[in-house]
Amino acid sequence: MPAAAWVTLVITALIVLAAAIGLLRVIFHLKAIRQTLGTVIVGVWVVAHQTRTVPEVLPSVNANLKPVRDFCESV
């Protein structure tokens, strides 16, 4: 094979190697982002759970205050 063919093969191998290394770095960054996103999703769920709206809690509050309401009506 002529020298130009060898040079072309070596340059091609270097380009493919650089692209493969870049893709591996992207894979590792995406794995780190995936873990961080999982943590954020759990945090958002906890905040949403702790800040429920009033209608979800209101029936139990009304049930707890029924004796007070009955007493006030009797006075």
PDB file of N, CA and C in Angstrom:
ATOM      1  N   MET A   1       0.839  -1.173   0.000  1.00  0.00           N
ATOM      2  CA  MET A   1       0.000   0.000   0.000  1.00  0.00           C
ATOM      3  C   MET A   1       0.886   1.239   0.000  1.00  0.00           C
ATOM      4  N   PRO A   2       0.420   2.251  -0.707  1.00  0.00           N
ATOM      5  CA  PRO A   2       1.209   3.486  -0.711  1.00  0.00           C
ATOM      6  C   PRO A   2       1.145   4.186   0.647  1.00  0.00           C
ATOM      7  N   ALA A   3       2.061   5.062   0.863  1.00  0.00           N
ATOM      8  CA  ALA A   3       2.169   5.778   2.137  1.00  0.00           C
ATOM      9  C   ALA A   3       0.941   6.656   2.386  1.00  0.00           C
ATOM     10  N   ALA A   4       0.356   7.198   1.338  1.00  0.00           N
ATOM     11  CA  ALA A   4      -0.821   8.051   1.492  1.00  0.00           C
ATOM     12  C   ALA A   4      -1.993   7.248   2.059  1.00  0.00           C
ATOM     13  N   ALA A   5      -2.099   5.981   1.698  1.00  0.00           N
ATOM     14  CA  ALA A   5      -3.172   5.133   2.222  1.00  0.00           C
ATOM     15  C   ALA A   5      -2.972   4.894   3.713  1.00  0.00           C
ATOM     16  N   TRP A   6      -1.735   4.652   4.132  1.00  0.00           N
ATOM     17  CA  TRP A   6      -1.461   4.451   5.550  1.00  0.00           C
ATOM     18  C   TRP A   6      -1.745   5.720   6.361  1.00  0.00           C
ATOM     19  N   VAL A   7      -1.347   6.840   5.824  1.00  0.00           N
ATOM     20  CA  VAL A   7      -1.592   8.110   6.505  1.00  0.00           C
ATOM     21  C   VAL A   7      -3.102   8.341   6.634  1.00  0.00           C
ATOM     22  N   THR A   8      -3.848   8.036   5.561  1.00  0.00           N
ATOM     23  CA  THR A   8      -5.303   8.188   5.594  1.00  0.00           C
ATOM     24  C   THR A   8      -5.918   7.281   6.652  1.00  0.00           C
ATOM     25  N   LEU A   9      -5.446   6.027   6.741  1.00  0.00           N
ATOM     26  CA  LEU A   9      -5.960   5.099   7.742  1.00  0.00           C
ATOM     27  C   LEU A   9      -5.643   5.568   9.164  1.00  0.00           C
ATOM     28  N   VAL A  10      -4.437   6.079   9.382  1.00  0.00           N
ATOM     29  CA  VAL A  10      -4.057   6.551  10.707  1.00  0.00           C
ATOM     30  C   VAL A  10      -4.888   7.774  11.095  1.00  0.00           C
ATOM     31  N   ILE A  11      -5.074   8.705  10.186  1.00  0.00           N
ATOM     32  CA  ILE A  11      -5.871   9.903  10.472  1.00  0.00           C
ATOM     33  C   ILE A  11      -7.321   9.514  10.750  1.00  0.00           C
ATOM     34  N   THR A  12      -7.840   8.571   9.960  1.00  0.00           N
ATOM     35  CA  THR A  12      -9.213   8.096  10.172  1.00  0.00           C
ATOM     36  C   THR A  12      -9.346   7.439  11.540  1.00  0.00           C
ATOM     37  N   ALA A  13      -8.371   6.626  11.923  1.00  0.00           N
ATOM     38  CA  ALA A  13      -8.409   5.971  13.233  1.00  0.00           C
ATOM     39  C   ALA A  13      -8.366   7.000  14.356  1.00  0.00           C
ATOM     40  N   LEU A  14      -7.550   8.045  14.209  1.00  0.00           N
ATOM     41  CA  LEU A  14      -7.476   9.085  15.228  1.00  0.00           C
ATOM     42  C   LEU A  14      -8.801   9.842  15.345  1.00  0.00           C
ATOM     43  N   ILE A  15      -9.433  10.124  14.213  1.00  0.00           N
ATOM     44  CA  ILE A  15     -10.725  10.820  14.243  1.00  0.00           C
ATOM     45  C   ILE A  15     -11.786   9.953  14.921  1.00  0.00           C
ATOM     46  N   VAL A  16     -11.828   8.655  14.573  1.00  0.00           N
ATOM     47  CA  VAL A  16     -12.795   7.740  15.172  1.00  0.00           C
ATOM     48  C   VAL A  16     -12.520   7.614  16.674  1.00  0.00           C
ATOM     49  N   LEU A  17     -11.269   7.535  17.076  1.00  0.00           N
ATOM     50  CA  LEU A  17     -10.908   7.435  18.482  1.00  0.00           C
ATOM     51  C   LEU A  17     -11.339   8.692  19.245  1.00  0.00           C
ATOM     52  N   ALA A  18     -11.116   9.858  18.662  1.00  0.00           N
ATOM     53  CA  ALA A  18     -11.526  11.107  19.315  1.00  0.00           C
ATOM     54  C   ALA A  18     -13.047  11.164  19.447  1.00  0.00           C
ATOM     55  N   ALA A  19     -13.762  10.734  18.417  1.00  0.00           N
ATOM     56  CA  ALA A  19     -15.226  10.733  18.487  1.00  0.00           C
ATOM     57  C   ALA A  19     -15.710   9.749  19.550  1.00  0.00           C
ATOM     58  N   ALA A  20     -15.078   8.591  19.646  1.00  0.00           N
ATOM     59  CA  ALA A  20     -15.470   7.596  20.649  1.00  0.00           C
ATOM     60  C   ALA A  20     -15.226   8.120  22.059  1.00  0.00           C
ATOM     61  N   ILE A  21     -14.111   8.776  22.282  1.00  0.00           N
ATOM     62  CA  ILE A  21     -13.826   9.339  23.603  1.00  0.00           C
ATOM     63  C   ILE A  21     -14.851  10.427  23.935  1.00  0.00           C
ATOM     64  N   GLY A  22     -15.185  11.266  22.973  1.00  0.00           N
ATOM     65  CA  GLY A  22     -16.199  12.291  23.196  1.00  0.00           C
ATOM     66  C   GLY A  22     -17.544  11.685  23.541  1.00  0.00           C
ATOM     67  N   LEU A  23     -17.935  10.622  22.850  1.00  0.00           N
ATOM     68  CA  LEU A  23     -19.207   9.966  23.130  1.00  0.00           C
ATOM     69  C   LEU A  23     -19.205   9.308  24.508  1.00  0.00           C
ATOM     70  N   LEU A  24     -18.091   8.733  24.913  1.00  0.00           N
ATOM     71  CA  LEU A  24     -18.006   8.153  26.254  1.00  0.00           C
ATOM     72  C   LEU A  24     -18.148   9.230  27.328  1.00  0.00           C
ATOM     73  N   ARG A  25     -17.548  10.395  27.098  1.00  0.00           N
ATOM     74  CA  ARG A  25     -17.701  11.493  28.060  1.00  0.00           C
ATOM     75  C   ARG A  25     -19.149  11.937  28.154  1.00  0.00           C
ATOM     76  N   VAL A  26     -19.821  11.997  27.008  1.00  0.00           N
ATOM     77  CA  VAL A  26     -21.238  12.371  27.002  1.00  0.00           C
ATOM     78  C   VAL A  26     -22.050  11.347  27.783  1.00  0.00           C
ATOM     79  N   ILE A  27     -21.755  10.059  27.606  1.00  0.00           N
ATOM     80  CA  ILE A  27     -22.471   9.009  28.333  1.00  0.00           C
ATOM     81  C   ILE A  27     -22.295   9.182  29.836  1.00  0.00           C
ATOM     82  N   PHE A  28     -21.084   9.446  30.286  1.00  0.00           N
ATOM     83  CA  PHE A  28     -20.842   9.617  31.719  1.00  0.00           C
ATOM     84  C   PHE A  28     -21.554  10.855  32.268  1.00  0.00           C
ATOM     85  N   HIS A  29     -21.560  11.946  31.488  1.00  0.00           N
ATOM     86  CA  HIS A  29     -22.271  13.144  31.926  1.00  0.00           C
ATOM     87  C   HIS A  29     -23.773  12.886  32.002  1.00  0.00           C
ATOM     88  N   LEU A  30     -24.316  12.162  31.044  1.00  0.00           N
ATOM     89  CA  LEU A  30     -25.748  11.860  31.068  1.00  0.00           C
ATOM     90  C   LEU A  30     -26.117  10.967  32.242  1.00  0.00           C
ATOM     91  N   LYS A  31     -25.237  10.050  32.619  1.00  0.00           N
ATOM     92  CA  LYS A  31     -25.508   9.227  33.800  1.00  0.00           C
ATOM     93  C   LYS A  31     -25.543  10.085  35.060  1.00  0.00           C
ATOM     94  N   ALA A  32     -24.630  11.026  35.173  1.00  0.00           N
ATOM     95  CA  ALA A  32     -24.621  11.916  36.340  1.00  0.00           C
ATOM     96  C   ALA A  32     -25.878  12.783  36.359  1.00  0.00           C
ATOM     97  N   ILE A  33     -26.293  13.277  35.206  1.00  0.00           N
ATOM     98  CA  ILE A  33     -27.506  14.096  35.122  1.00  0.00           C
ATOM     99  C   ILE A  33     -28.724  13.264  35.481  1.00  0.00           C
ATOM    100  N   ARG A  34     -28.752  12.010  35.059  1.00  0.00           N
ATOM    101  CA  ARG A  34     -29.890  11.143  35.368  1.00  0.00           C
ATOM    102  C   ARG A  34     -30.024  10.963  36.887  1.00  0.00           C
ATOM    103  N   GLN A  35     -28.920  10.769  37.579  1.00  0.00           N
ATOM    104  CA  GLN A  35     -28.962  10.609  39.028  1.00  0.00           C
ATOM    105  C   GLN A  35     -29.442  11.902  39.693  1.00  0.00           C
ATOM    106  N   THR A  36     -28.940  13.031  39.228  1.00  0.00           N
ATOM    107  CA  THR A  36     -29.355  14.310  39.794  1.00  0.00           C
ATOM    108  C   THR A  36     -30.834  14.560  39.544  1.00  0.00           C
ATOM    109  N   LEU A  37     -31.312  14.223  38.350  1.00  0.00           N
ATOM    110  CA  LEU A  37     -32.727  14.405  38.047  1.00  0.00           C
ATOM    111  C   LEU A  37     -33.592  13.526  38.941  1.00  0.00           C
ATOM    112  N   GLY A  38     -33.136  12.315  39.215  1.00  0.00           N
ATOM    113  CA  GLY A  38     -33.878  11.449  40.128  1.00  0.00           C
ATOM    114  C   GLY A  38     -34.015  12.080  41.503  1.00  0.00           C
ATOM    115  N   THR A  39     -32.940  12.676  41.982  1.00  0.00           N
ATOM    116  CA  THR A  39     -32.971  13.345  43.284  1.00  0.00           C
ATOM    117  C   THR A  39     -33.920  14.542  43.251  1.00  0.00           C
ATOM    118  N   VAL A  40     -33.887  15.303  42.175  1.00  0.00           N
ATOM    119  CA  VAL A  40     -34.764  16.469  42.057  1.00  0.00           C
ATOM    120  C   VAL A  40     -36.225  16.041  42.010  1.00  0.00           C
ATOM    121  N   ILE A  41     -36.520  14.972  41.267  1.00  0.00           N
ATOM    122  CA  ILE A  41     -37.897  14.494  41.162  1.00  0.00           C
ATOM    123  C   ILE A  41     -38.416  14.066  42.530  1.00  0.00           C
ATOM    124  N   VAL A  42     -37.600  13.361  43.297  1.00  0.00           N
ATOM    125  CA  VAL A  42     -38.014  12.951  44.640  1.00  0.00           C
ATOM    126  C   VAL A  42     -38.229  14.185  45.522  1.00  0.00           C
ATOM    127  N   GLY A  43     -37.359  15.172  45.412  1.00  0.00           N
ATOM    128  CA  GLY A  43     -37.521  16.397  46.195  1.00  0.00           C
ATOM    129  C   GLY A  43     -38.795  17.139  45.844  1.00  0.00           C
ATOM    130  N   VAL A  44     -39.113  17.217  44.562  1.00  0.00           N
ATOM    131  CA  VAL A  44     -40.348  17.880  44.139  1.00  0.00           C
ATOM    132  C   VAL A  44     -41.556  17.109  44.656  1.00  0.00           C
ATOM    133  N   TRP A  45     -41.506  15.793  44.635  1.00  0.00           N
ATOM    134  CA  TRP A  45     -42.620  14.993  45.142  1.00  0.00           C
ATOM    135  C   TRP A  45     -42.830  15.249  46.637  1.00  0.00           C
ATOM    136  N   VAL A  46     -41.731  15.341  47.386  1.00  0.00           N
ATOM    137  CA  VAL A  46     -41.833  15.589  48.820  1.00  0.00           C
ATOM    138  C   VAL A  46     -42.446  16.967  49.083  1.00  0.00           C
ATOM    139  N   VAL A  47     -42.004  17.974  48.335  1.00  0.00           N
ATOM    140  CA  VAL A  47     -42.563  19.315  48.513  1.00  0.00           C
ATOM    141  C   VAL A  47     -44.043  19.319  48.158  1.00  0.00           C
ATOM    142  N   ALA A  48     -44.415  18.653  47.078  1.00  0.00           N
ATOM    143  CA  ALA A  48     -45.823  18.598  46.682  1.00  0.00           C
ATOM    144  C   ALA A  48     -46.647  17.868  47.740  1.00  0.00           C
ATOM    145  N   HIS A  49     -46.077  16.832  48.331  1.00  0.00           N
ATOM    146  CA  HIS A  49     -46.804  16.086  49.357  1.00  0.00           C
ATOM    147  C   HIS A  49     -46.982  16.918  50.625  1.00  0.00           C
ATOM    148  N   GLN A  50     -45.965  17.677  50.992  1.00  0.00           N
ATOM    149  CA  GLN A  50     -46.021  18.459  52.228  1.00  0.00           C
ATOM    150  C   GLN A  50     -46.847  19.737  52.074  1.00  0.00           C
ATOM    151  N   THR A  51     -47.098  20.157  50.862  1.00  0.00           N
ATOM    152  CA  THR A  51     -47.880  21.380  50.639  1.00  0.00           C
ATOM    153  C   THR A  51     -49.185  21.047  49.922  1.00  0.00           C
ATOM    154  N   ARG A  52     -49.863  20.021  50.396  1.00  0.00           N
ATOM    155  CA  ARG A  52     -51.148  19.632  49.805  1.00  0.00           C
ATOM    156  C   ARG A  52     -52.132  20.777  49.930  1.00  0.00           C
ATOM    157  N   THR A  53     -53.115  20.760  49.071  1.00  0.00           N
ATOM    158  CA  THR A  53     -54.119  21.818  49.104  1.00  0.00           C
ATOM    159  C   THR A  53     -55.080  21.599  50.266  1.00  0.00           C
ATOM    160  N   VAL A  54     -55.807  22.653  50.613  1.00  0.00           N
ATOM    161  CA  VAL A  54     -56.733  22.602  51.746  1.00  0.00           C
ATOM    162  C   VAL A  54     -57.854  21.585  51.529  1.00  0.00           C
ATOM    163  N   PRO A  55     -58.475  21.470  50.350  1.00  0.00           N
ATOM    164  CA  PRO A  55     -59.584  20.530  50.206  1.00  0.00           C
ATOM    165  C   PRO A  55     -59.254  19.084  50.580  1.00  0.00           C
ATOM    166  N   GLU A  56     -58.008  18.691  50.459  1.00  0.00           N
ATOM    167  CA  GLU A  56     -57.639  17.332  50.856  1.00  0.00           C
ATOM    168  C   GLU A  56     -57.687  17.170  52.375  1.00  0.00           C
ATOM    169  N   VAL A  57     -57.353  18.205  53.108  1.00  0.00           N
ATOM    170  CA  VAL A  57     -57.240  18.139  54.559  1.00  0.00           C
ATOM    171  C   VAL A  57     -58.509  18.643  55.245  1.00  0.00           C
ATOM    172  N   LEU A  58     -59.296  19.441  54.536  1.00  0.00           N
ATOM    173  CA  LEU A  58     -60.454  20.097  55.128  1.00  0.00           C
ATOM    174  C   LEU A  58     -61.472  19.147  55.754  1.00  0.00           C
ATOM    175  N   PRO A  59     -61.837  18.006  55.149  1.00  0.00           N
ATOM    176  CA  PRO A  59     -62.811  17.131  55.804  1.00  0.00           C
ATOM    177  C   PRO A  59     -62.364  16.645  57.183  1.00  0.00           C
ATOM    178  N   SER A  60     -61.105  16.328  57.339  1.00  0.00           N
ATOM    179  CA  SER A  60     -60.650  15.861  58.656  1.00  0.00           C
ATOM    180  C   SER A  60     -60.648  17.003  59.670  1.00  0.00           C
ATOM    181  N   VAL A  61     -60.339  18.218  59.224  1.00  0.00           N
ATOM    182  CA  VAL A  61     -60.376  19.371  60.134  1.00  0.00           C
ATOM    183  C   VAL A  61     -61.813  19.631  60.564  1.00  0.00           C
ATOM    184  N   ASN A  62     -62.738  19.584  59.610  1.00  0.00           N
ATOM    185  CA  ASN A  62     -64.150  19.793  59.943  1.00  0.00           C
ATOM    186  C   ASN A  62     -64.647  18.721  60.903  1.00  0.00           C
ATOM    187  N   ALA A  63     -64.221  17.487  60.703  1.00  0.00           N
ATOM    188  CA  ALA A  63     -64.649  16.413  61.600  1.00  0.00           C
ATOM    189  C   ALA A  63     -64.097  16.630  63.013  1.00  0.00           C
ATOM    190  N   ASN A  64     -62.882  17.113  63.110  1.00  0.00           N
ATOM    191  CA  ASN A  64     -62.285  17.368  64.423  1.00  0.00           C
ATOM    192  C   ASN A  64     -62.947  18.552  65.129  1.00  0.00           C
ATOM    193  N   LEU A  65     -63.473  19.505  64.366  1.00  0.00           N
ATOM    194  CA  LEU A  65     -64.078  20.697  64.968  1.00  0.00           C
ATOM    195  C   LEU A  65     -65.584  20.555  65.205  1.00  0.00           C
ATOM    196  N   LYS A  66     -66.178  19.422  64.867  1.00  0.00           N
ATOM    197  CA  LYS A  66     -67.617  19.225  65.044  1.00  0.00           C
ATOM    198  C   LYS A  66     -68.052  19.388  66.502  1.00  0.00           C
ATOM    199  N   PRO A  67     -67.326  18.836  67.477  1.00  0.00           N
ATOM    200  CA  PRO A  67     -67.738  19.064  68.873  1.00  0.00           C
ATOM    201  C   PRO A  67     -67.740  20.537  69.263  1.00  0.00           C
ATOM    202  N   VAL A  68     -66.789  21.296  68.768  1.00  0.00           N
ATOM    203  CA  VAL A  68     -66.732  22.727  69.073  1.00  0.00           C
ATOM    204  C   VAL A  68     -67.933  23.428  68.457  1.00  0.00           C
ATOM    205  N   ARG A  69     -68.256  23.096  67.214  1.00  0.00           N
ATOM    206  CA  ARG A  69     -69.409  23.703  66.556  1.00  0.00           C
ATOM    207  C   ARG A  69     -70.698  23.370  67.285  1.00  0.00           C
ATOM    208  N   ASP A  70     -70.853  22.108  67.709  1.00  0.00           N
ATOM    209  CA  ASP A  70     -72.041  21.707  68.441  1.00  0.00           C
ATOM    210  C   ASP A  70     -72.155  22.476  69.762  1.00  0.00           C
ATOM    211  N   PHE A  71     -71.041  22.660  70.460  1.00  0.00           N
ATOM    212  CA  PHE A  71     -71.062  23.406  71.715  1.00  0.00           C
ATOM    213  C   PHE A  71     -71.462  24.861  71.480  1.00  0.00           C
ATOM    214  N   CYS A  72     -70.892  25.461  70.437  1.00  0.00           N
ATOM    215  CA  CYS A  72     -71.208  26.863  70.133  1.00  0.00           C
ATOM    216  C   CYS A  72     -72.690  27.035  69.774  1.00  0.00           C
ATOM    217  N   GLU A  73     -73.252  26.080  69.090  1.00  0.00           N
ATOM    218  CA  GLU A  73     -74.668  26.166  68.728  1.00  0.00           C
ATOM    219  C   GLU A  73     -75.556  26.009  69.954  1.00  0.00           C
ATOM    220  N   SER A  74     -75.105  25.291  70.956  1.00  0.00           N
ATOM    221  CA  SER A  74     -75.917  25.076  72.142  1.00  0.00           C
ATOM    222  C   SER A  74     -75.892  26.270  73.096  1.00  0.00           C
ATOM    223  N   VAL A  75     -74.907  27.134  72.931  1.00  0.00           N
ATOM    224  CA  VAL A  75     -74.784  28.275  73.831  1.00  0.00           C
ATOM    225  C   VAL A  75     -75.722  29.352  73.473  1.00  0.00           C
TER     226      VAL A  75
END
